[in-house]
Amino acid sequence: MKKIFTIITLSIICVLSTSNILAQEKTKSIVTVEEKHGKSIVKAPGVKVEVDEFNDTITKITIGTRRFEIIEDYNRARVRMVRVPREKFKGHWAGCDIGFNGYLTSDFSTDIPAEDNWMDLNASKSVTFSINFLQYNIGLQRHKNNFGMVLGAGWTFYNYRTDLPYTFERDPNTGETIGVPVDPARSVEKNKITASFINIPLLFEWQIPASEPFHRFYISAGPYCGFKLGSHTKIVYKKDGDRSKDKGRGDINLTPFQYGAMVRLGYRFINLYASYNFSTFYTENRGPELYPFTIGLSLVQF
C-alpha cells in the first residue's frame, strides 16, 4: 500500500515539475531530493512532498498553504487536508473591486456650484470597476508576517453619470471644458463620461491578531497614482420617438495623470476600500475644480 502511494506521489511531482520547467527555462535546479532518517523529502517550486516509512502519516503533500496528509492505520488509508500558515507577509490588493465614484468641490462638498450644474452627478449610477492584476509583497518584520508593504497595479474603469441635457465640449475660444445644452427636441436618457486608468498603489498594511494565521482583520493605507489610458463621452436620447446615441472621443481636458490616497480594510469575506484624489478631475484651470473619490467592495481576491 505504501509503495502505491509513493508512486502516486512521485507521479504528481513529475507533472508539476514538468509544467514548472516549461515556465522557468533558466532555473538550474527544479526538483531537490533529500533522504534522512527513513524519510524522503522532494521539493519543487511551490510543492513539497514528504514520504515517511516509519510513521502512520506516510505521505505529506504541501501545495501553497494546503497540506494533504495520507494516513494509514488499521489496514486502511485516508486523506486529510490541513492548512499551513504562511511564512511570509501577503497583502490585500490583487483581485476585483466594484464601487461608486463621485467628486467633491474644493471645500469638500458634493453640492456643485450653480454655474457648473451640468456636472451634477447621478450618484447611484456612477459606477467604477477595477481589475487589480499585479501585487508585490514586502514584509517589514523579521520574525512575524503581519505588517508589510504592498506595491501593485490595477486597471480601473470610471463612469460618471449626469443624465442631464448637456454635452461636454471644449470652448474654442478659452480651451476650457463647458456644458452645452442639447436640442430641446431630444429627451436625454443617459449621459456620462467614461475614463480608464492604470493605477499604481504603495500601501502599508497591518494585520491583526498576529497569532491568528488565517482569519485576520487587515487595514492598509498609502498613496497611489494613475495614468489615463483612454476616455469618451456618451449620450443616449430620444427624438421623434427614435432612440439614438452619440459617442465623443475628443479631448475634454480630463487629467492624464491622477494621484491621491487610498485605504483598504476587511475581515474574511467583507472587504472595503476608498480613495480620494488630490488631483482635479479636469486639467488645472481647464474645467470646474472637482476632486474625484471612490468607495466600494473587493469582490474577488487573488
C-alpha atoms as a PDB file:
ATOM      1  CA  MET A   1       0.000   0.000   0.000  1.00  0.00           C
ATOM      2  CA  LYS A   2       2.809   2.403   0.910  1.00  0.00           C
ATOM      3  CA  LYS A   3       4.561   1.778  -2.374  1.00  0.00           C
ATOM      4  CA  ILE A   4       1.373   2.575  -4.280  1.00  0.00           C
ATOM      5  CA  PHE A   5       1.024   5.920  -2.507  1.00  0.00           C
ATOM      6  CA  THR A   6       4.677   6.669  -3.097  1.00  0.00           C
ATOM      7  CA  ILE A   7       4.303   6.003  -6.833  1.00  0.00           C
ATOM      8  CA  ILE A   8       1.201   8.237  -6.994  1.00  0.00           C
ATOM      9  CA  THR A   9       3.015  10.992  -5.116  1.00  0.00           C
ATOM     10  CA  LEU A  10       6.053  10.897  -7.391  1.00  0.00           C
ATOM     11  CA  SER A  11       3.770  10.957 -10.451  1.00  0.00           C
ATOM     12  CA  ILE A  12       2.132  14.141  -9.171  1.00  0.00           C
ATOM     13  CA  ILE A  13       5.541  15.717  -8.642  1.00  0.00           C
ATOM     14  CA  CYS A  14       6.640  14.776 -12.159  1.00  0.00           C
ATOM     15  CA  VAL A  15       3.605  16.519 -13.685  1.00  0.00           C
ATOM     16  CA  LEU A  16       4.054  19.642 -11.538  1.00  0.00           C
ATOM     17  CA  SER A  17       7.766  19.745 -12.201  1.00  0.00           C
ATOM     18  CA  THR A  18       7.287  19.429 -15.964  1.00  0.00           C
ATOM     19  CA  SER A  19       4.956  22.443 -16.022  1.00  0.00           C
ATOM     20  CA  ASN A  20       7.459  24.455 -13.966  1.00  0.00           C
ATOM     21  CA  ILE A  21      10.324  23.507 -16.293  1.00  0.00           C
ATOM     22  CA  LEU A  22       8.404  24.908 -19.260  1.00  0.00           C
ATOM     23  CA  ALA A  23       7.755  28.163 -17.387  1.00  0.00           C
ATOM     24  CA  GLN A  24      11.286  28.564 -15.987  1.00  0.00           C
ATOM     25  CA  GLU A  25      13.839  27.961 -18.705  1.00  0.00           C
ATOM     26  CA  LYS A  26      16.817  29.350 -16.790  1.00  0.00           C
ATOM     27  CA  THR A  27      16.199  27.609 -13.455  1.00  0.00           C
ATOM     28  CA  LYS A  28      19.168  25.379 -12.644  1.00  0.00           C
ATOM     29  CA  SER A  29      17.523  23.098 -10.060  1.00  0.00           C
ATOM     30  CA  ILE A  30      13.789  22.445 -10.332  1.00  0.00           C
ATOM     31  CA  VAL A  31      13.489  19.408  -8.049  1.00  0.00           C
ATOM     32  CA  THR A  32      15.585  18.524  -5.000  1.00  0.00           C
ATOM     33  CA  VAL A  33      15.502  15.200  -3.121  1.00  0.00           C
ATOM     34  CA  GLU A  34      16.633  14.601   0.467  1.00  0.00           C
ATOM     35  CA  GLU A  35      16.996  11.250   2.273  1.00  0.00           C
ATOM     36  CA  LYS A  36      17.371  11.223   6.060  1.00  0.00           C
ATOM     37  CA  HIS A  37      16.262   9.040   8.981  1.00  0.00           C
ATOM     38  CA  GLY A  38      13.997   6.866   6.829  1.00  0.00           C
ATOM     39  CA  LYS A  39      12.260   9.922   5.362  1.00  0.00           C
ATOM     40  CA  SER A  40      12.320  11.095   1.757  1.00  0.00           C
ATOM     41  CA  ILE A  41      11.655  14.773   1.011  1.00  0.00           C
ATOM     42  CA  VAL A  42      11.040  16.002  -2.533  1.00  0.00           C
ATOM     43  CA  LYS A  43      10.859  19.764  -3.175  1.00  0.00           C
ATOM     44  CA  ALA A  44       9.766  21.632  -6.292  1.00  0.00           C
ATOM     45  CA  PRO A  45       8.679  25.260  -6.792  1.00  0.00           C
ATOM     46  CA  GLY A  46       5.518  25.690  -4.696  1.00  0.00           C
ATOM     47  CA  VAL A  47       5.356  21.969  -3.774  1.00  0.00           C
ATOM     48  CA  LYS A  48       6.841  19.792  -1.035  1.00  0.00           C
ATOM     49  CA  VAL A  49       6.350  16.010  -0.620  1.00  0.00           C
ATOM     50  CA  GLU A  50       7.443  14.004   2.424  1.00  0.00           C
ATOM     51  CA  VAL A  51       7.366  10.167   2.480  1.00  0.00           C
ATOM     52  CA  ASP A  52       7.931   8.552   5.907  1.00  0.00           C
ATOM     53  CA  GLU A  53       8.105   4.736   6.033  1.00  0.00           C
ATOM     54  CA  PHE A  54       8.126   4.673   9.871  1.00  0.00           C
ATOM     55  CA  ASN A  55       5.080   6.825  10.593  1.00  0.00           C
ATOM     56  CA  ASP A  56       1.325   6.384  10.260  1.00  0.00           C
ATOM     57  CA  THR A  57       1.272   9.556   8.168  1.00  0.00           C
ATOM     58  CA  ILE A  58       3.209   8.018   5.310  1.00  0.00           C
ATOM     59  CA  THR A  59       2.958  10.891   2.832  1.00  0.00           C
ATOM     60  CA  LYS A  60       2.519  14.677   3.120  1.00  0.00           C
ATOM     61  CA  ILE A  61       1.930  16.783   0.013  1.00  0.00           C
ATOM     62  CA  THR A  62       2.152  20.557   0.590  1.00  0.00           C
ATOM     63  CA  ILE A  63       0.929  22.897  -2.153  1.00  0.00           C
ATOM     64  CA  GLY A  64       0.862  26.564  -1.178  1.00  0.00           C
ATOM     65  CA  THR A  65      -0.988  26.848   2.147  1.00  0.00           C
ATOM     66  CA  ARG A  66      -2.645  23.420   1.889  1.00  0.00           C
ATOM     67  CA  ARG A  67      -1.111  20.158   3.013  1.00  0.00           C
ATOM     68  CA  PHE A  68      -2.641  16.785   2.103  1.00  0.00           C
ATOM     69  CA  GLU A  69      -1.712  14.011   4.521  1.00  0.00           C
ATOM     70  CA  ILE A  70      -2.133  10.377   3.509  1.00  0.00           C
ATOM     71  CA  ILE A  71      -2.595   8.396   6.724  1.00  0.00           C
ATOM     72  CA  GLU A  72      -2.526   4.606   7.002  1.00  0.00           C
ATOM     73  CA  ASP A  73      -3.893   2.937  10.129  1.00  0.00           C
ATOM     74  CA  TYR A  74      -5.772  -0.289  10.869  1.00  0.00           C
ATOM     75  CA  ASN A  75      -5.025  -1.554   7.354  1.00  0.00           C
ATOM     76  CA  ARG A  76      -6.835   1.335   5.687  1.00  0.00           C
ATOM     77  CA  ALA A  77      -5.750   4.646   4.213  1.00  0.00           C
ATOM     78  CA  ARG A  78      -7.378   8.057   4.390  1.00  0.00           C
ATOM     79  CA  VAL A  79      -6.540  11.578   3.219  1.00  0.00           C
ATOM     80  CA  ARG A  80      -6.645  14.633   5.473  1.00  0.00           C
ATOM     81  CA  MET A  81      -6.298  18.267   4.363  1.00  0.00           C
ATOM     82  CA  VAL A  82      -4.554  20.703   6.730  1.00  0.00           C
ATOM     83  CA  ARG A  83      -3.981  24.426   6.231  1.00  0.00           C
ATOM     84  CA  VAL A  84      -0.382  25.535   6.698  1.00  0.00           C
ATOM     85  CA  PRO A  85       0.326  29.087   7.965  1.00  0.00           C
ATOM     86  CA  ARG A  86       2.106  31.377   5.523  1.00  0.00           C
ATOM     87  CA  GLU A  87       5.717  32.055   6.365  1.00  0.00           C
ATOM     88  CA  LYS A  88       5.820  35.387   4.520  1.00  0.00           C
ATOM     89  CA  PHE A  89       3.712  38.537   4.585  1.00  0.00           C
ATOM     90  CA  LYS A  90       0.939  38.724   1.985  1.00  0.00           C
ATOM     91  CA  GLY A  91      -1.146  41.869   1.491  1.00  0.00           C
ATOM     92  CA  HIS A  92      -4.613  42.519   0.072  1.00  0.00           C
ATOM     93  CA  TRP A  93      -4.621  44.243  -3.295  1.00  0.00           C
ATOM     94  CA  ALA A  94      -4.882  41.755  -6.171  1.00  0.00           C
ATOM     95  CA  GLY A  95      -8.466  40.971  -7.174  1.00  0.00           C
ATOM     96  CA  CYS A  96     -11.590  42.701  -8.483  1.00  0.00           C
ATOM     97  CA  ASP A  97     -13.208  45.812  -6.992  1.00  0.00           C
ATOM     98  CA  ILE A  98     -16.584  47.396  -7.670  1.00  0.00           C
ATOM     99  CA  GLY A  99     -17.947  50.615  -6.220  1.00  0.00           C
ATOM    100  CA  PHE A 100     -19.288  54.097  -6.771  1.00  0.00           C
ATOM    101  CA  ASN A 101     -17.370  57.188  -7.803  1.00  0.00           C
ATOM    102  CA  GLY A 102     -18.093  60.854  -7.447  1.00  0.00           C
ATOM    103  CA  TYR A 103     -16.320  64.143  -6.861  1.00  0.00           C
ATOM    104  CA  LEU A 104     -16.111  66.880  -4.262  1.00  0.00           C
ATOM    105  CA  THR A 105     -15.610  70.617  -4.585  1.00  0.00           C
ATOM    106  CA  SER A 106     -12.570  72.356  -3.104  1.00  0.00           C
ATOM    107  CA  ASP A 107     -14.455  72.799   0.206  1.00  0.00           C
ATOM    108  CA  PHE A 108     -15.262  69.034   0.354  1.00  0.00           C
ATOM    109  CA  SER A 109     -18.909  69.417  -0.629  1.00  0.00           C
ATOM    110  CA  THR A 110     -20.917  67.292  -3.044  1.00  0.00           C
ATOM    111  CA  ASP A 111     -23.044  70.334  -3.978  1.00  0.00           C
ATOM    112  CA  ILE A 112     -21.938  71.572  -7.375  1.00  0.00           C
ATOM    113  CA  PRO A 113     -21.909  75.376  -7.871  1.00  0.00           C
ATOM    114  CA  ALA A 114     -24.851  76.688  -9.905  1.00  0.00           C
ATOM    115  CA  GLU A 115     -22.638  77.739 -12.818  1.00  0.00           C
ATOM    116  CA  ASP A 116     -21.323  74.157 -13.093  1.00  0.00           C
ATOM    117  CA  ASN A 117     -24.623  72.318 -12.600  1.00  0.00           C
ATOM    118  CA  TRP A 118     -24.099  70.473 -15.910  1.00  0.00           C
ATOM    119  CA  MET A 119     -21.603  68.323 -13.913  1.00  0.00           C
ATOM    120  CA  ASP A 120     -24.164  67.322 -11.255  1.00  0.00           C
ATOM    121  CA  LEU A 121     -23.935  63.527 -10.827  1.00  0.00           C
ATOM    122  CA  ASN A 122     -26.469  60.729 -10.760  1.00  0.00           C
ATOM    123  CA  ALA A 123     -24.526  59.113  -7.896  1.00  0.00           C
ATOM    124  CA  SER A 124     -26.401  55.798  -7.839  1.00  0.00           C
ATOM    125  CA  LYS A 125     -25.376  55.073 -11.437  1.00  0.00           C
ATOM    126  CA  SER A 126     -21.806  56.366 -11.334  1.00  0.00           C
ATOM    127  CA  VAL A 127     -20.044  53.013 -11.050  1.00  0.00           C
ATOM    128  CA  THR A 128     -16.381  52.058 -11.032  1.00  0.00           C
ATOM    129  CA  PHE A 129     -14.810  48.644 -11.660  1.00  0.00           C
ATOM    130  CA  SER A 130     -11.200  47.565 -11.160  1.00  0.00           C
ATOM    131  CA  ILE A 131      -9.082  44.555 -12.050  1.00  0.00           C
ATOM    132  CA  ASN A 132      -6.039  44.645  -9.766  1.00  0.00           C
ATOM    133  CA  PHE A 133      -3.800  42.296 -11.677  1.00  0.00           C
ATOM    134  CA  LEU A 134      -0.372  42.793 -10.100  1.00  0.00           C
ATOM    135  CA  GLN A 135       0.768  42.608  -6.461  1.00  0.00           C
ATOM    136  CA  TYR A 136       4.238  42.567  -4.898  1.00  0.00           C
ATOM    137  CA  ASN A 137       4.538  41.946  -1.143  1.00  0.00           C
ATOM    138  CA  ILE A 138       7.369  43.269   1.041  1.00  0.00           C
ATOM    139  CA  GLY A 139       7.432  42.079   4.646  1.00  0.00           C
ATOM    140  CA  LEU A 140       8.770  44.637   7.113  1.00  0.00           C
ATOM    141  CA  GLN A 141       9.283  42.285  10.079  1.00  0.00           C
ATOM    142  CA  ARG A 142      11.953  39.699  10.751  1.00  0.00           C
ATOM    143  CA  HIS A 143      10.072  37.216  12.911  1.00  0.00           C
ATOM    144  CA  LYS A 144       6.419  37.993  12.093  1.00  0.00           C
ATOM    145  CA  ASN A 145       4.348  38.260   8.932  1.00  0.00           C
ATOM    146  CA  ASN A 146       1.524  40.657   9.830  1.00  0.00           C
ATOM    147  CA  PHE A 147       2.991  44.010   8.739  1.00  0.00           C
ATOM    148  CA  GLY A 148       4.363  44.940   5.369  1.00  0.00           C
ATOM    149  CA  MET A 149       4.212  46.974   2.205  1.00  0.00           C
ATOM    150  CA  VAL A 150       2.220  46.246  -0.952  1.00  0.00           C
ATOM    151  CA  LEU A 151       3.145  47.559  -4.398  1.00  0.00           C
ATOM    152  CA  GLY A 152       0.639  46.816  -7.137  1.00  0.00           C
ATOM    153  CA  ALA A 153      -1.047  47.773 -10.375  1.00  0.00           C
ATOM    154  CA  GLY A 154      -4.684  47.762 -11.450  1.00  0.00           C
ATOM    155  CA  TRP A 155      -6.859  48.642 -14.431  1.00  0.00           C
ATOM    156  CA  THR A 156      -9.792  50.835 -13.372  1.00  0.00           C
ATOM    157  CA  PHE A 157     -12.877  51.985 -15.306  1.00  0.00           C
ATOM    158  CA  TYR A 158     -14.699  55.101 -14.069  1.00  0.00           C
ATOM    159  CA  ASN A 159     -18.235  56.021 -15.137  1.00  0.00           C
ATOM    160  CA  TYR A 160     -19.585  59.466 -14.229  1.00  0.00           C
ATOM    161  CA  ARG A 161     -23.319  59.653 -14.986  1.00  0.00           C
ATOM    162  CA  THR A 162     -25.026  63.056 -15.147  1.00  0.00           C
ATOM    163  CA  ASP A 163     -28.108  62.223 -17.252  1.00  0.00           C
ATOM    164  CA  LEU A 164     -28.522  65.986 -17.803  1.00  0.00           C
ATOM    165  CA  PRO A 165     -29.310  67.623 -21.178  1.00  0.00           C
ATOM    166  CA  TYR A 166     -25.789  68.886 -21.800  1.00  0.00           C
ATOM    167  CA  THR A 167     -22.876  67.762 -23.930  1.00  0.00           C
ATOM    168  CA  PHE A 168     -19.268  68.086 -22.733  1.00  0.00           C
ATOM    169  CA  GLU A 169     -17.219  70.197 -25.112  1.00  0.00           C
ATOM    170  CA  ARG A 170     -14.125  72.393 -25.217  1.00  0.00           C
ATOM    171  CA  ASP A 171     -14.742  76.093 -25.660  1.00  0.00           C
ATOM    172  CA  PRO A 172     -12.955  77.007 -28.921  1.00  0.00           C
ATOM    173  CA  ASN A 173     -12.013  80.429 -27.516  1.00  0.00           C
ATOM    174  CA  THR A 174     -10.789  79.616 -23.995  1.00  0.00           C
ATOM    175  CA  GLY A 175      -9.991  75.895 -24.312  1.00  0.00           C
ATOM    176  CA  GLU A 176     -11.984  75.189 -21.147  1.00  0.00           C
ATOM    177  CA  THR A 177     -14.489  72.349 -20.838  1.00  0.00           C
ATOM    178  CA  ILE A 178     -18.082  73.581 -20.786  1.00  0.00           C
ATOM    179  CA  GLY A 179     -21.579  72.126 -20.793  1.00  0.00           C
ATOM    180  CA  VAL A 180     -23.511  72.845 -23.976  1.00  0.00           C
ATOM    181  CA  PRO A 181     -27.336  72.448 -23.830  1.00  0.00           C
ATOM    182  CA  VAL A 182     -28.689  69.808 -26.235  1.00  0.00           C
ATOM    183  CA  ASP A 183     -31.531  70.349 -28.675  1.00  0.00           C
ATOM    184  CA  PRO A 184     -34.767  70.674 -26.607  1.00  0.00           C
ATOM    185  CA  ALA A 185     -36.380  68.191 -29.022  1.00  0.00           C
ATOM    186  CA  ARG A 186     -34.092  65.496 -27.626  1.00  0.00           C
ATOM    187  CA  SER A 187     -35.159  63.671 -24.463  1.00  0.00           C
ATOM    188  CA  VAL A 188     -31.924  62.618 -22.726  1.00  0.00           C
ATOM    189  CA  GLU A 189     -31.987  59.171 -21.087  1.00  0.00           C
ATOM    190  CA  LYS A 190     -28.300  58.681 -20.328  1.00  0.00           C
ATOM    191  CA  ASN A 191     -25.311  60.996 -20.298  1.00  0.00           C
ATOM    192  CA  LYS A 192     -21.890  60.064 -18.962  1.00  0.00           C
ATOM    193  CA  ILE A 193     -18.133  60.456 -19.035  1.00  0.00           C
ATOM    194  CA  THR A 194     -16.061  57.252 -19.022  1.00  0.00           C
ATOM    195  CA  ALA A 195     -12.331  57.021 -18.362  1.00  0.00           C
ATOM    196  CA  SER A 196      -9.883  54.172 -17.772  1.00  0.00           C
ATOM    197  CA  PHE A 197      -6.653  54.395 -15.792  1.00  0.00           C
ATOM    198  CA  ILE A 198      -3.764  52.176 -14.784  1.00  0.00           C
ATOM    199  CA  ASN A 199      -3.420  52.800 -11.043  1.00  0.00           C
ATOM    200  CA  ILE A 200      -0.284  52.033  -9.033  1.00  0.00           C
ATOM    201  CA  PRO A 201      -0.617  51.983  -5.206  1.00  0.00           C
ATOM    202  CA  LEU A 202       2.020  51.818  -2.482  1.00  0.00           C
ATOM    203  CA  LEU A 203       0.211  50.612   0.636  1.00  0.00           C
ATOM    204  CA  PHE A 204       1.345  49.849   4.174  1.00  0.00           C
ATOM    205  CA  GLU A 205      -0.730  47.022   5.649  1.00  0.00           C
ATOM    206  CA  TRP A 206      -1.230  45.828   9.208  1.00  0.00           C
ATOM    207  CA  GLN A 207      -2.955  42.527  10.025  1.00  0.00           C
ATOM    208  CA  ILE A 208      -4.247  41.521  13.473  1.00  0.00           C
ATOM    209  CA  PRO A 209      -4.064  39.416  15.527  1.00  0.00           C
ATOM    210  CA  ALA A 210      -0.555  38.246  14.652  1.00  0.00           C
ATOM    211  CA  SER A 211      -1.186  34.930  16.439  1.00  0.00           C
ATOM    212  CA  GLU A 212      -4.075  34.051  14.072  1.00  0.00           C
ATOM    213  CA  PRO A 213      -2.557  32.827  10.782  1.00  0.00           C
ATOM    214  CA  PHE A 214      -5.737  32.597   8.677  1.00  0.00           C
ATOM    215  CA  HIS A 215      -8.581  34.889   9.812  1.00  0.00           C
ATOM    216  CA  ARG A 216      -7.072  38.312  10.390  1.00  0.00           C
ATOM    217  CA  PHE A 217      -8.546  41.787  10.256  1.00  0.00           C
ATOM    218  CA  TYR A 218      -6.418  43.989   7.993  1.00  0.00           C
ATOM    219  CA  ILE A 219      -6.139  47.683   7.227  1.00  0.00           C
ATOM    220  CA  SER A 220      -3.873  49.276   4.646  1.00  0.00           C
ATOM    221  CA  ALA A 221      -3.322  52.839   3.523  1.00  0.00           C
ATOM    222  CA  GLY A 222      -0.995  54.798   1.307  1.00  0.00           C
ATOM    223  CA  PRO A 223      -0.589  56.911  -1.819  1.00  0.00           C
ATOM    224  CA  TYR A 224      -1.353  55.927  -5.372  1.00  0.00           C
ATOM    225  CA  CYS A 225      -1.034  57.385  -8.842  1.00  0.00           C
ATOM    226  CA  GLY A 226      -2.691  56.620 -12.147  1.00  0.00           C
ATOM    227  CA  PHE A 227      -2.126  57.105 -15.862  1.00  0.00           C
ATOM    228  CA  LYS A 228      -5.067  57.597 -18.199  1.00  0.00           C
ATOM    229  CA  LEU A 229      -5.439  55.007 -20.966  1.00  0.00           C
ATOM    230  CA  GLY A 230      -8.499  56.477 -22.663  1.00  0.00           C
ATOM    231  CA  SER A 231     -11.802  58.285 -22.257  1.00  0.00           C
ATOM    232  CA  HIS A 232     -15.033  59.092 -24.066  1.00  0.00           C
ATOM    233  CA  THR A 233     -18.440  60.668 -23.582  1.00  0.00           C
ATOM    234  CA  LYS A 234     -21.766  59.028 -24.368  1.00  0.00           C
ATOM    235  CA  ILE A 235     -25.263  60.466 -24.566  1.00  0.00           C
ATOM    236  CA  VAL A 236     -28.432  58.447 -25.243  1.00  0.00           C
ATOM    237  CA  TYR A 237     -31.624  60.275 -26.204  1.00  0.00           C
ATOM    238  CA  LYS A 238     -34.968  60.016 -27.919  1.00  0.00           C
ATOM    239  CA  LYS A 239     -36.111  62.291 -30.697  1.00  0.00           C
ATOM    240  CA  ASP A 240     -39.411  61.927 -32.518  1.00  0.00           C
ATOM    241  CA  GLY A 241     -39.830  58.503 -30.910  1.00  0.00           C
ATOM    242  CA  ASP A 242     -36.486  57.197 -32.199  1.00  0.00           C
ATOM    243  CA  ARG A 243     -33.746  56.241 -29.736  1.00  0.00           C
ATOM    244  CA  SER A 244     -30.206  57.330 -30.636  1.00  0.00           C
ATOM    245  CA  LYS A 245     -26.789  57.616 -29.051  1.00  0.00           C
ATOM    246  CA  ASP A 246     -23.739  59.749 -29.712  1.00  0.00           C
ATOM    247  CA  LYS A 247     -20.196  58.974 -28.584  1.00  0.00           C
ATOM    248  CA  GLY A 248     -17.451  61.534 -28.380  1.00  0.00           C
ATOM    249  CA  ARG A 249     -13.751  60.704 -28.165  1.00  0.00           C
ATOM    250  CA  GLY A 250     -12.417  64.228 -28.373  1.00  0.00           C
ATOM    251  CA  ASP A 251     -10.204  65.800 -25.716  1.00  0.00           C
ATOM    252  CA  ILE A 252     -12.339  67.412 -22.987  1.00  0.00           C
ATOM    253  CA  ASN A 253      -9.388  68.184 -20.697  1.00  0.00           C
ATOM    254  CA  LEU A 254      -9.665  65.136 -18.403  1.00  0.00           C
ATOM    255  CA  THR A 255      -6.490  64.908 -16.363  1.00  0.00           C
ATOM    256  CA  PRO A 256      -3.991  62.447 -17.922  1.00  0.00           C
ATOM    257  CA  PHE A 257      -2.352  61.759 -14.548  1.00  0.00           C
ATOM    258  CA  GLN A 258      -4.076  61.340 -11.199  1.00  0.00           C
ATOM    259  CA  TYR A 259      -2.759  60.892  -7.681  1.00  0.00           C
ATOM    260  CA  GLY A 260      -4.244  60.591  -4.235  1.00  0.00           C
ATOM    261  CA  ALA A 261      -4.603  58.402  -1.142  1.00  0.00           C
ATOM    262  CA  MET A 262      -6.266  55.036  -0.633  1.00  0.00           C
ATOM    263  CA  VAL A 263      -7.422  52.952   2.325  1.00  0.00           C
ATOM    264  CA  ARG A 264      -8.491  49.298   2.332  1.00  0.00           C
ATOM    265  CA  LEU A 265      -9.771  47.155   5.187  1.00  0.00           C
ATOM    266  CA  GLY A 266     -11.548  43.875   5.718  1.00  0.00           C
ATOM    267  CA  TYR A 267     -12.137  40.679   7.598  1.00  0.00           C
ATOM    268  CA  ARG A 268     -12.636  37.359   5.830  1.00  0.00           C
ATOM    269  CA  PHE A 269     -15.220  37.897   3.039  1.00  0.00           C
ATOM    270  CA  ILE A 270     -16.038  41.542   3.940  1.00  0.00           C
ATOM    271  CA  ASN A 271     -13.534  43.836   2.198  1.00  0.00           C
ATOM    272  CA  LEU A 272     -13.965  47.584   1.692  1.00  0.00           C
ATOM    273  CA  TYR A 273     -11.915  50.296   0.014  1.00  0.00           C
ATOM    274  CA  ALA A 274     -11.992  54.052  -0.561  1.00  0.00           C
ATOM    275  CA  SER A 275      -9.817  56.553  -2.398  1.00  0.00           C
ATOM    276  CA  TYR A 276      -9.598  60.319  -2.753  1.00  0.00           C
ATOM    277  CA  ASN A 277      -7.747  62.255  -5.432  1.00  0.00           C
ATOM    278  CA  PHE A 278      -5.533  65.202  -4.652  1.00  0.00           C
ATOM    279  CA  SER A 279      -5.508  65.899  -8.391  1.00  0.00           C
ATOM    280  CA  THR A 280      -8.505  67.514 -10.108  1.00  0.00           C
ATOM    281  CA  PHE A 281     -10.965  65.817 -12.445  1.00  0.00           C
ATOM    282  CA  TYR A 282     -10.069  68.203 -15.260  1.00  0.00           C
ATOM    283  CA  THR A 283      -6.649  69.583 -16.072  1.00  0.00           C
ATOM    284  CA  GLU A 284      -5.996  72.561 -13.806  1.00  0.00           C
ATOM    285  CA  ASN A 285      -7.877  75.705 -14.888  1.00  0.00           C
ATOM    286  CA  ARG A 286      -9.460  73.834 -17.812  1.00  0.00           C
ATOM    287  CA  GLY A 287     -12.790  72.973 -16.168  1.00  0.00           C
ATOM    288  CA  PRO A 288     -14.675  73.006 -12.853  1.00  0.00           C
ATOM    289  CA  GLU A 289     -12.437  72.337  -9.838  1.00  0.00           C
ATOM    290  CA  LEU A 290     -13.586  68.886  -8.752  1.00  0.00           C
ATOM    291  CA  TYR A 291     -11.764  66.146  -6.828  1.00  0.00           C
ATOM    292  CA  PRO A 292     -12.773  62.521  -7.573  1.00  0.00           C
ATOM    293  CA  PHE A 293     -13.333  59.864  -4.918  1.00  0.00           C
ATOM    294  CA  THR A 294     -14.408  56.225  -4.913  1.00  0.00           C
ATOM    295  CA  ILE A 295     -15.857  53.856  -2.322  1.00  0.00           C
ATOM    296  CA  GLY A 296     -16.733  50.198  -2.766  1.00  0.00           C
ATOM    297  CA  LEU A 297     -16.180  46.496  -2.178  1.00  0.00           C
ATOM    298  CA  SER A 298     -13.491  43.996  -3.101  1.00  0.00           C
ATOM    299  CA  LEU A 299     -15.477  41.091  -4.563  1.00  0.00           C
ATOM    300  CA  VAL A 300     -12.708  38.674  -5.518  1.00  0.00           C
ATOM    301  CA  GLN A 301      -9.179  38.449  -4.156  1.00  0.00           C
ATOM    302  CA  PHE A 302      -6.379  36.604  -5.909  1.00  0.00           C
END
